[in-house]
Every structure is written in structure tokens, then in C-alpha cells.
Amino acid sequence: MSNIDQSIIEAFCPTGRLRASINLGNPILARRADDGRPAGVSIDLANAFARQLGVDIELVVFDSAGKSVEAVTAEQADIGFFAVDPVRGAGIAFTAPYVLIEGAYLVREESPIQDNAEVDTAGVRVVVGKGSAYDLYLTRALQSAEILRAPTSPAVVETFLAQGAEVAAGVKQQLEFDAARLGGLRLLPGRFMVIQQAMGLPKGRGAAAAQVLTSFVEEMKRSGFVQKALEEHGIEGASVAPLQ
């Protein structure tokens, strides 16, 4: 039986169950397992939070971050897993991050671009996943380069090649995988940003509910749950965020 106040449980679960928005566009956090069901760190956290509330869970699955954000903002889902971004913060209350993920650039082997600082140049086209944290960040950060948007983050390299663009941007692990799979591609050294991956809920659910979710995330980091989940799912290129 949950020791959380019933009013808080009702704030999280207006339909009687916890609807968790899951984005399959970020393979570090969620993917389809061999049996077709969603699996990953975010699903493990969603299940653990439902157990803490003492309610059943319903996974609401999307192929892109943008769609997942829309579902929680519109209260079609009760919690979600997002990269913290001020644009998304208009409708979503974020916890502190539970995982840090590196964002990187990828180019063709023969590209003259050798460094992250050379990307923001007139004539350079950068492909990102539409509505992803990289899209939101680069839309603000890039002054001279042009942004092209792939439908989802996993489709970035495919779109980059099809469009003949100069740079692909996204989750470092996904880009490394695609570079090894396709050949003739290389990552630029280092990273251009670090994604702070957090949980979130609709802002209309109230400050008390937001505090319960924040406390849950801190306990999941403190207890080693997040680290264990990363290890069990074979995730590299992500680290547990510091305690707040």
C-alpha cells in the first residue's frame, strides 16, 4: 500500500492508472525489445514509480521526443522522460536530471570539418531529429548554419545521407552505431552539448505532485537504481546525474 497521500495519487492518475509517455527515439532510454515491447531505463523508472504510487501503469509509446512532450503537455499522459529545455518547460514541470547524455556531430570521412566550432558556418546544413533536445538547442545556438529536420532522431543519419547534408547531430551513441554500421563516416571530437534527461509531469498537476516526483528521482539516483538500469540495458555514453 502506498504511503503517498491519496490526493497526490489522484493528481498523478486522473484515469485511475499512471500513463507514462515513452519516447523510443532515444535508444539510450528506451527501445523495442526482441518481443516487441518497450524496454529501457525510462520504462524501469516508470514501473518503479507506479509501484511507489500503488497503481497500475499504462505505457503511451511514441517514436519522437516532440510527440512525447505534446502528450504530457496536453495531459494525455501523466509523466514522461525528457531532456530539460526551457521551451518544453512552458507546460511541463521537470525534476532534476537522472541521466546525462552527450550530444555529438557526425560528418563524412572526407569532410573538411574537423572541429565542433567549424559547424556553425554559412553553407553548412545540420540534420537533427525534429523536436528533439538537439533541435531545440541548435535552433537557439547556431547563427550561420542551416538546420534540416529528420522526422525522428533515429532517422537523422539516413536523412543526412539522403539530403547530402554536411553534418548530422544527435545522441553520441546513436551516431557511433550508425557510423560503424554504414562506414565512411566519423564523429567530431568531444561533444557540443550535454543533455540533462529528467522526468516531468504536466504543470497543472500541482507543486505537491511535482515534489513527489522530484524526490522519487533523487532516491532512484541515490539508491543505485539508475546506475543498475544503465548497466542491465548495456548503455554506454550516459552517466548518472549528480544528486541535487
C-alpha atoms as a PDB file:
ATOM      1  CA  MET A   1       0.000   0.000   0.000  1.00  0.00           C
ATOM      2  CA  SER A   2       1.377   3.403  -0.958  1.00  0.00           C
ATOM      3  CA  ASN A   3       2.220   5.838   1.863  1.00  0.00           C
ATOM      4  CA  ILE A   4       1.732   8.785  -0.503  1.00  0.00           C
ATOM      5  CA  ASP A   5      -1.301  10.970   0.203  1.00  0.00           C
ATOM      6  CA  GLN A   6      -4.359   9.928  -1.802  1.00  0.00           C
ATOM      7  CA  SER A   7      -4.767  13.439  -3.218  1.00  0.00           C
ATOM      8  CA  ILE A   8      -1.272  13.200  -4.738  1.00  0.00           C
ATOM      9  CA  ILE A   9      -2.026   9.793  -6.252  1.00  0.00           C
ATOM     10  CA  GLU A  10      -5.205  11.223  -7.790  1.00  0.00           C
ATOM     11  CA  ALA A  11      -3.238  14.188  -9.161  1.00  0.00           C
ATOM     12  CA  PHE A  12      -0.907  11.767 -10.950  1.00  0.00           C
ATOM     13  CA  CYS A  13      -3.611   9.316 -12.033  1.00  0.00           C
ATOM     14  CA  PRO A  14      -6.859  11.065 -13.017  1.00  0.00           C
ATOM     15  CA  THR A  15      -7.800   8.000 -15.085  1.00  0.00           C
ATOM     16  CA  GLY A  16      -7.063   5.584 -12.247  1.00  0.00           C
ATOM     17  CA  ARG A  17      -3.747   4.379 -13.676  1.00  0.00           C
ATOM     18  CA  LEU A  18      -0.378   6.024 -14.334  1.00  0.00           C
ATOM     19  CA  ARG A  19       0.042   6.846 -18.027  1.00  0.00           C
ATOM     20  CA  ALA A  20       3.768   7.078 -18.798  1.00  0.00           C
ATOM     21  CA  SER A  21       4.839   8.716 -22.048  1.00  0.00           C
ATOM     22  CA  ILE A  22       7.740   6.759 -23.573  1.00  0.00           C
ATOM     23  CA  ASN A  23       9.934   8.099 -26.395  1.00  0.00           C
ATOM     24  CA  LEU A  24      11.555   5.348 -28.482  1.00  0.00           C
ATOM     25  CA  GLY A  25      13.522   7.993 -30.414  1.00  0.00           C
ATOM     26  CA  ASN A  26      16.340   7.959 -27.850  1.00  0.00           C
ATOM     27  CA  PRO A  27      17.904   4.461 -27.718  1.00  0.00           C
ATOM     28  CA  ILE A  28      19.780   5.268 -24.527  1.00  0.00           C
ATOM     29  CA  LEU A  29      16.493   5.446 -22.640  1.00  0.00           C
ATOM     30  CA  ALA A  30      14.010   3.234 -24.482  1.00  0.00           C
ATOM     31  CA  ARG A  31      13.814   0.783 -27.376  1.00  0.00           C
ATOM     32  CA  ARG A  32      11.724  -2.150 -28.507  1.00  0.00           C
ATOM     33  CA  ALA A  33      12.907  -5.444 -27.045  1.00  0.00           C
ATOM     34  CA  ASP A  34      13.030  -8.660 -29.074  1.00  0.00           C
ATOM     35  CA  ASP A  35       9.456  -9.406 -28.024  1.00  0.00           C
ATOM     36  CA  GLY A  36       8.300  -6.037 -29.399  1.00  0.00           C
ATOM     37  CA  ARG A  37       7.607  -4.481 -26.017  1.00  0.00           C
ATOM     38  CA  PRO A  38       9.267  -1.232 -24.884  1.00  0.00           C
ATOM     39  CA  ALA A  39      12.307  -1.743 -22.654  1.00  0.00           C
ATOM     40  CA  GLY A  40      14.930   0.507 -21.150  1.00  0.00           C
ATOM     41  CA  VAL A  41      15.851   2.828 -18.320  1.00  0.00           C
ATOM     42  CA  SER A  42      12.756   5.019 -18.673  1.00  0.00           C
ATOM     43  CA  ILE A  43      10.427   2.015 -18.590  1.00  0.00           C
ATOM     44  CA  ASP A  44      12.177   0.709 -15.463  1.00  0.00           C
ATOM     45  CA  LEU A  45      11.715   4.099 -13.782  1.00  0.00           C
ATOM     46  CA  ALA A  46       8.076   4.342 -14.862  1.00  0.00           C
ATOM     47  CA  ASN A  47       7.328   0.907 -13.432  1.00  0.00           C
ATOM     48  CA  ALA A  48       9.109   1.755 -10.177  1.00  0.00           C
ATOM     49  CA  PHE A  49       7.135   4.985  -9.775  1.00  0.00           C
ATOM     50  CA  ALA A  50       3.835   3.217 -10.438  1.00  0.00           C
ATOM     51  CA  ARG A  51       4.755   0.709  -7.714  1.00  0.00           C
ATOM     52  CA  GLN A  52       5.514   3.574  -5.336  1.00  0.00           C
ATOM     53  CA  LEU A  53       2.103   5.110  -6.039  1.00  0.00           C
ATOM     54  CA  GLY A  54       0.467   1.694  -5.748  1.00  0.00           C
ATOM     55  CA  VAL A  55      -1.255   1.927  -9.148  1.00  0.00           C
ATOM     56  CA  ASP A  56      -1.250   0.123 -12.480  1.00  0.00           C
ATOM     57  CA  ILE A  57       0.792   1.543 -15.335  1.00  0.00           C
ATOM     58  CA  GLU A  58      -0.039   2.226 -18.966  1.00  0.00           C
ATOM     59  CA  LEU A  59       2.810   2.926 -21.392  1.00  0.00           C
ATOM     60  CA  VAL A  60       1.962   5.535 -24.040  1.00  0.00           C
ATOM     61  CA  VAL A  61       4.636   4.986 -26.684  1.00  0.00           C
ATOM     62  CA  PHE A  62       5.910   7.485 -29.292  1.00  0.00           C
ATOM     63  CA  ASP A  63       8.673   7.473 -31.912  1.00  0.00           C
ATOM     64  CA  SER A  64       9.922  11.002 -31.217  1.00  0.00           C
ATOM     65  CA  ALA A  65      10.576  13.349 -28.312  1.00  0.00           C
ATOM     66  CA  GLY A  66       8.300  16.017 -29.755  1.00  0.00           C
ATOM     67  CA  LYS A  67       5.260  13.728 -29.682  1.00  0.00           C
ATOM     68  CA  SER A  68       6.066  12.594 -26.160  1.00  0.00           C
ATOM     69  CA  VAL A  69       6.300  16.215 -24.997  1.00  0.00           C
ATOM     70  CA  GLU A  70       2.958  17.035 -26.632  1.00  0.00           C
ATOM     71  CA  ALA A  71       1.247  14.114 -24.883  1.00  0.00           C
ATOM     72  CA  VAL A  72       2.324  15.236 -21.405  1.00  0.00           C
ATOM     73  CA  THR A  73       1.734  18.933 -22.098  1.00  0.00           C
ATOM     74  CA  ALA A  74      -1.816  18.102 -23.267  1.00  0.00           C
ATOM     75  CA  GLU A  75      -2.309  15.814 -20.207  1.00  0.00           C
ATOM     76  CA  GLN A  76      -2.813  12.773 -22.418  1.00  0.00           C
ATOM     77  CA  ALA A  77      -0.060  11.216 -20.292  1.00  0.00           C
ATOM     78  CA  ASP A  78       0.750  11.762 -16.631  1.00  0.00           C
ATOM     79  CA  ILE A  79       4.547  11.523 -16.582  1.00  0.00           C
ATOM     80  CA  GLY A  80       7.279  11.484 -19.202  1.00  0.00           C
ATOM     81  CA  PHE A  81      11.024  11.347 -19.726  1.00  0.00           C
ATOM     82  CA  PHE A  82      12.560  14.391 -21.381  1.00  0.00           C
ATOM     83  CA  ALA A  83      15.679  16.388 -21.974  1.00  0.00           C
ATOM     84  CA  VAL A  84      15.314  19.531 -19.898  1.00  0.00           C
ATOM     85  CA  ASP A  85      14.683  22.526 -22.146  1.00  0.00           C
ATOM     86  CA  PRO A  86      13.102  25.941 -21.452  1.00  0.00           C
ATOM     87  CA  VAL A  87      10.727  25.624 -24.425  1.00  0.00           C
ATOM     88  CA  ARG A  88       9.309  22.395 -23.015  1.00  0.00           C
ATOM     89  CA  GLY A  89       9.211  23.916 -19.530  1.00  0.00           C
ATOM     90  CA  ALA A  90       6.243  26.081 -20.513  1.00  0.00           C
ATOM     91  CA  GLY A  91       3.861  23.167 -19.923  1.00  0.00           C
ATOM     92  CA  ILE A  92       5.945  20.575 -18.078  1.00  0.00           C
ATOM     93  CA  ALA A  93       7.367  20.601 -14.544  1.00  0.00           C
ATOM     94  CA  PHE A  94      10.761  18.884 -14.606  1.00  0.00           C
ATOM     95  CA  THR A  95      12.610  17.020 -11.898  1.00  0.00           C
ATOM     96  CA  ALA A  96      16.359  17.353 -11.600  1.00  0.00           C
ATOM     97  CA  PRO A  97      18.104  15.185 -14.228  1.00  0.00           C
ATOM     98  CA  TYR A  98      18.658  11.493 -13.595  1.00  0.00           C
ATOM     99  CA  VAL A  99      20.960  10.855 -16.575  1.00  0.00           C
ATOM    100  CA  LEU A 100      23.420  12.969 -18.574  1.00  0.00           C
ATOM    101  CA  ILE A 101      23.773  12.187 -22.296  1.00  0.00           C
ATOM    102  CA  GLU A 102      26.342  13.599 -24.721  1.00  0.00           C
ATOM    103  CA  GLY A 103      25.316  15.234 -27.980  1.00  0.00           C
ATOM    104  CA  ALA A 104      27.760  14.935 -30.874  1.00  0.00           C
ATOM    105  CA  TYR A 105      28.250  15.834 -34.535  1.00  0.00           C
ATOM    106  CA  LEU A 106      28.882  13.354 -37.359  1.00  0.00           C
ATOM    107  CA  VAL A 107      30.356  14.091 -40.801  1.00  0.00           C
ATOM    108  CA  ARG A 108      31.604  12.140 -43.818  1.00  0.00           C
ATOM    109  CA  GLU A 109      35.184  10.889 -43.702  1.00  0.00           C
ATOM    110  CA  GLU A 110      36.221  13.321 -46.438  1.00  0.00           C
ATOM    111  CA  SER A 111      34.540  16.356 -44.830  1.00  0.00           C
ATOM    112  CA  PRO A 112      36.822  19.365 -44.290  1.00  0.00           C
ATOM    113  CA  ILE A 113      35.104  19.950 -40.932  1.00  0.00           C
ATOM    114  CA  GLN A 114      37.406  18.765 -38.147  1.00  0.00           C
ATOM    115  CA  ASP A 115      36.092  20.515 -35.050  1.00  0.00           C
ATOM    116  CA  ASN A 116      32.739  21.339 -33.423  1.00  0.00           C
ATOM    117  CA  ALA A 117      33.482  25.054 -33.685  1.00  0.00           C
ATOM    118  CA  GLU A 118      33.609  24.779 -37.500  1.00  0.00           C
ATOM    119  CA  VAL A 119      29.998  23.556 -37.800  1.00  0.00           C
ATOM    120  CA  ASP A 120      28.294  26.944 -37.410  1.00  0.00           C
ATOM    121  CA  THR A 121      29.362  28.231 -40.811  1.00  0.00           C
ATOM    122  CA  ALA A 122      27.367  29.604 -43.739  1.00  0.00           C
ATOM    123  CA  GLY A 123      26.618  26.843 -46.244  1.00  0.00           C
ATOM    124  CA  VAL A 124      26.710  24.054 -43.654  1.00  0.00           C
ATOM    125  CA  ARG A 125      23.462  22.087 -43.247  1.00  0.00           C
ATOM    126  CA  VAL A 126      22.953  20.290 -39.942  1.00  0.00           C
ATOM    127  CA  VAL A 127      20.395  17.469 -39.688  1.00  0.00           C
ATOM    128  CA  VAL A 128      18.656  16.913 -36.327  1.00  0.00           C
ATOM    129  CA  GLY A 129      15.617  14.971 -35.158  1.00  0.00           C
ATOM    130  CA  LYS A 130      12.538  17.180 -35.299  1.00  0.00           C
ATOM    131  CA  GLY A 131      11.527  18.403 -31.846  1.00  0.00           C
ATOM    132  CA  SER A 132      14.477  16.696 -30.137  1.00  0.00           C
ATOM    133  CA  ALA A 133      16.520  18.442 -27.452  1.00  0.00           C
ATOM    134  CA  TYR A 134      19.270  18.884 -30.064  1.00  0.00           C
ATOM    135  CA  ASP A 135      16.813  20.605 -32.401  1.00  0.00           C
ATOM    136  CA  LEU A 136      15.695  22.990 -29.639  1.00  0.00           C
ATOM    137  CA  TYR A 137      19.254  23.737 -28.545  1.00  0.00           C
ATOM    138  CA  LEU A 138      20.762  24.174 -32.005  1.00  0.00           C
ATOM    139  CA  THR A 139      17.847  26.352 -33.124  1.00  0.00           C
ATOM    140  CA  ARG A 140      18.989  28.790 -30.457  1.00  0.00           C
ATOM    141  CA  ALA A 141      22.753  28.238 -30.750  1.00  0.00           C
ATOM    142  CA  LEU A 142      23.507  28.118 -34.483  1.00  0.00           C
ATOM    143  CA  GLN A 143      23.796  31.532 -36.130  1.00  0.00           C
ATOM    144  CA  SER A 144      25.104  30.744 -39.628  1.00  0.00           C
ATOM    145  CA  ALA A 145      24.500  27.045 -40.356  1.00  0.00           C
ATOM    146  CA  GLU A 146      21.126  25.845 -41.648  1.00  0.00           C
ATOM    147  CA  ILE A 147      19.082  23.242 -39.738  1.00  0.00           C
ATOM    148  CA  LEU A 148      17.353  20.379 -41.580  1.00  0.00           C
ATOM    149  CA  ARG A 149      14.931  18.210 -39.587  1.00  0.00           C
ATOM    150  CA  ALA A 150      14.605  14.441 -39.809  1.00  0.00           C
ATOM    151  CA  PRO A 151      11.229  13.005 -38.715  1.00  0.00           C
ATOM    152  CA  THR A 152      12.811  11.234 -35.706  1.00  0.00           C
ATOM    153  CA  SER A 153      16.232  11.081 -34.034  1.00  0.00           C
ATOM    154  CA  PRO A 154      16.991   7.502 -35.246  1.00  0.00           C
ATOM    155  CA  ALA A 155      16.381   8.728 -38.821  1.00  0.00           C
ATOM    156  CA  VAL A 156      18.967  11.528 -38.599  1.00  0.00           C
ATOM    157  CA  VAL A 157      21.878   9.778 -40.354  1.00  0.00           C
ATOM    158  CA  GLU A 158      19.624   8.338 -43.048  1.00  0.00           C
ATOM    159  CA  THR A 159      18.231  11.829 -43.710  1.00  0.00           C
ATOM    160  CA  PHE A 160      21.735  13.353 -43.579  1.00  0.00           C
ATOM    161  CA  LEU A 161      22.889  10.957 -46.312  1.00  0.00           C
ATOM    162  CA  ALA A 162      19.746  11.281 -48.431  1.00  0.00           C
ATOM    163  CA  GLN A 163      19.856  15.098 -48.341  1.00  0.00           C
ATOM    164  CA  GLY A 164      23.616  15.292 -48.950  1.00  0.00           C
ATOM    165  CA  ALA A 165      23.931  17.483 -45.862  1.00  0.00           C
ATOM    166  CA  GLU A 166      27.246  18.378 -44.225  1.00  0.00           C
ATOM    167  CA  VAL A 167      26.615  17.437 -40.558  1.00  0.00           C
ATOM    168  CA  ALA A 168      24.354  15.136 -38.522  1.00  0.00           C
ATOM    169  CA  ALA A 169      23.679  15.966 -34.868  1.00  0.00           C
ATOM    170  CA  GLY A 170      22.261  13.821 -32.083  1.00  0.00           C
ATOM    171  CA  VAL A 171      22.823  11.246 -29.357  1.00  0.00           C
ATOM    172  CA  LYS A 172      26.503  10.316 -29.471  1.00  0.00           C
ATOM    173  CA  GLN A 173      25.793   6.610 -29.017  1.00  0.00           C
ATOM    174  CA  GLN A 174      23.292   6.519 -31.904  1.00  0.00           C
ATOM    175  CA  LEU A 175      25.726   8.333 -34.220  1.00  0.00           C
ATOM    176  CA  GLU A 176      28.582   5.985 -33.269  1.00  0.00           C
ATOM    177  CA  PHE A 177      26.369   2.989 -34.019  1.00  0.00           C
ATOM    178  CA  ASP A 178      25.337   4.370 -37.425  1.00  0.00           C
ATOM    179  CA  ALA A 179      28.929   5.296 -38.320  1.00  0.00           C
ATOM    180  CA  ALA A 180      30.121   1.761 -37.556  1.00  0.00           C
ATOM    181  CA  ARG A 181      27.190   0.217 -39.418  1.00  0.00           C
ATOM    182  CA  LEU A 182      27.422   2.339 -42.568  1.00  0.00           C
ATOM    183  CA  GLY A 183      31.134   3.191 -42.838  1.00  0.00           C
ATOM    184  CA  GLY A 184      32.653   6.286 -44.429  1.00  0.00           C
ATOM    185  CA  LEU A 185      31.542   8.474 -41.526  1.00  0.00           C
ATOM    186  CA  ARG A 186      33.257   9.902 -38.439  1.00  0.00           C
ATOM    187  CA  LEU A 187      32.299  11.749 -35.300  1.00  0.00           C
ATOM    188  CA  LEU A 188      33.847  15.095 -34.494  1.00  0.00           C
ATOM    189  CA  PRO A 189      35.913  15.039 -31.284  1.00  0.00           C
ATOM    190  CA  GLY A 190      34.194  15.790 -27.997  1.00  0.00           C
ATOM    191  CA  ARG A 191      30.609  16.936 -27.656  1.00  0.00           C
ATOM    192  CA  PHE A 192      28.635  20.058 -28.491  1.00  0.00           C
ATOM    193  CA  MET A 193      26.256  19.750 -25.533  1.00  0.00           C
ATOM    194  CA  VAL A 194      25.259  17.573 -22.606  1.00  0.00           C
ATOM    195  CA  ILE A 195      21.602  16.605 -22.382  1.00  0.00           C
ATOM    196  CA  GLN A 196      20.079  16.647 -18.902  1.00  0.00           C
ATOM    197  CA  GLN A 197      17.488  13.880 -19.009  1.00  0.00           C
ATOM    198  CA  ALA A 198      14.736  14.292 -16.414  1.00  0.00           C
ATOM    199  CA  MET A 199      11.252  13.128 -15.567  1.00  0.00           C
ATOM    200  CA  GLY A 200       8.348  15.523 -15.856  1.00  0.00           C
ATOM    201  CA  LEU A 201       4.624  15.927 -15.346  1.00  0.00           C
ATOM    202  CA  PRO A 202       2.008  18.414 -16.574  1.00  0.00           C
ATOM    203  CA  LYS A 203       2.395  21.703 -14.685  1.00  0.00           C
ATOM    204  CA  GLY A 204      -1.325  21.699 -13.893  1.00  0.00           C
ATOM    205  CA  ARG A 205      -0.933  18.706 -11.575  1.00  0.00           C
ATOM    206  CA  GLY A 206       0.432  20.992  -8.860  1.00  0.00           C
ATOM    207  CA  ALA A 207       3.560  21.664  -6.825  1.00  0.00           C
ATOM    208  CA  ALA A 208       2.966  18.843  -4.328  1.00  0.00           C
ATOM    209  CA  ALA A 209       2.868  16.209  -7.072  1.00  0.00           C
ATOM    210  CA  ALA A 210       5.946  17.731  -8.705  1.00  0.00           C
ATOM    211  CA  GLN A 211       7.824  17.481  -5.401  1.00  0.00           C
ATOM    212  CA  VAL A 212       6.898  13.801  -5.018  1.00  0.00           C
ATOM    213  CA  LEU A 213       8.282  13.064  -8.493  1.00  0.00           C
ATOM    214  CA  THR A 214      11.438  15.078  -7.770  1.00  0.00           C
ATOM    215  CA  SER A 215      12.014  13.141  -4.546  1.00  0.00           C
ATOM    216  CA  PHE A 216      11.484   9.845  -6.373  1.00  0.00           C
ATOM    217  CA  VAL A 217      14.163  10.697  -8.957  1.00  0.00           C
ATOM    218  CA  GLU A 218      16.670  11.662  -6.269  1.00  0.00           C
ATOM    219  CA  GLU A 219      16.053   8.371  -4.439  1.00  0.00           C
ATOM    220  CA  MET A 220      16.467   6.388  -7.681  1.00  0.00           C
ATOM    221  CA  LYS A 221      19.888   8.021  -8.162  1.00  0.00           C
ATOM    222  CA  ARG A 222      20.916   7.706  -4.519  1.00  0.00           C
ATOM    223  CA  SER A 223      19.927   4.028  -4.260  1.00  0.00           C
ATOM    224  CA  GLY A 224      21.871   2.995  -7.364  1.00  0.00           C
ATOM    225  CA  PHE A 225      18.682   2.084  -9.270  1.00  0.00           C
ATOM    226  CA  VAL A 226      19.535   4.304 -12.271  1.00  0.00           C
ATOM    227  CA  GLN A 227      23.141   3.067 -12.481  1.00  0.00           C
ATOM    228  CA  LYS A 228      21.986  -0.555 -12.293  1.00  0.00           C
ATOM    229  CA  ALA A 229      19.395   0.048 -15.033  1.00  0.00           C
ATOM    230  CA  LEU A 230      22.035   1.572 -17.328  1.00  0.00           C
ATOM    231  CA  GLU A 231      24.270  -1.448 -16.766  1.00  0.00           C
ATOM    232  CA  GLU A 232      21.486  -4.016 -17.219  1.00  0.00           C
ATOM    233  CA  HIS A 233      20.467  -2.474 -20.549  1.00  0.00           C
ATOM    234  CA  GLY A 234      24.098  -2.255 -21.750  1.00  0.00           C
ATOM    235  CA  ILE A 235      24.008   1.519 -22.094  1.00  0.00           C
ATOM    236  CA  GLU A 236      27.230   3.410 -22.792  1.00  0.00           C
ATOM    237  CA  GLY A 237      27.549   7.127 -23.430  1.00  0.00           C
ATOM    238  CA  ALA A 238      25.347   8.080 -20.487  1.00  0.00           C
ATOM    239  CA  SER A 239      26.105   8.708 -16.832  1.00  0.00           C
ATOM    240  CA  VAL A 240      24.007   9.088 -13.709  1.00  0.00           C
ATOM    241  CA  ALA A 241      23.404  12.770 -12.957  1.00  0.00           C
ATOM    242  CA  PRO A 242      24.723  14.148  -9.642  1.00  0.00           C
ATOM    243  CA  LEU A 243      22.397  14.249  -6.642  1.00  0.00           C
ATOM    244  CA  GLN A 244      20.676  17.571  -6.085  1.00  0.00           C
END
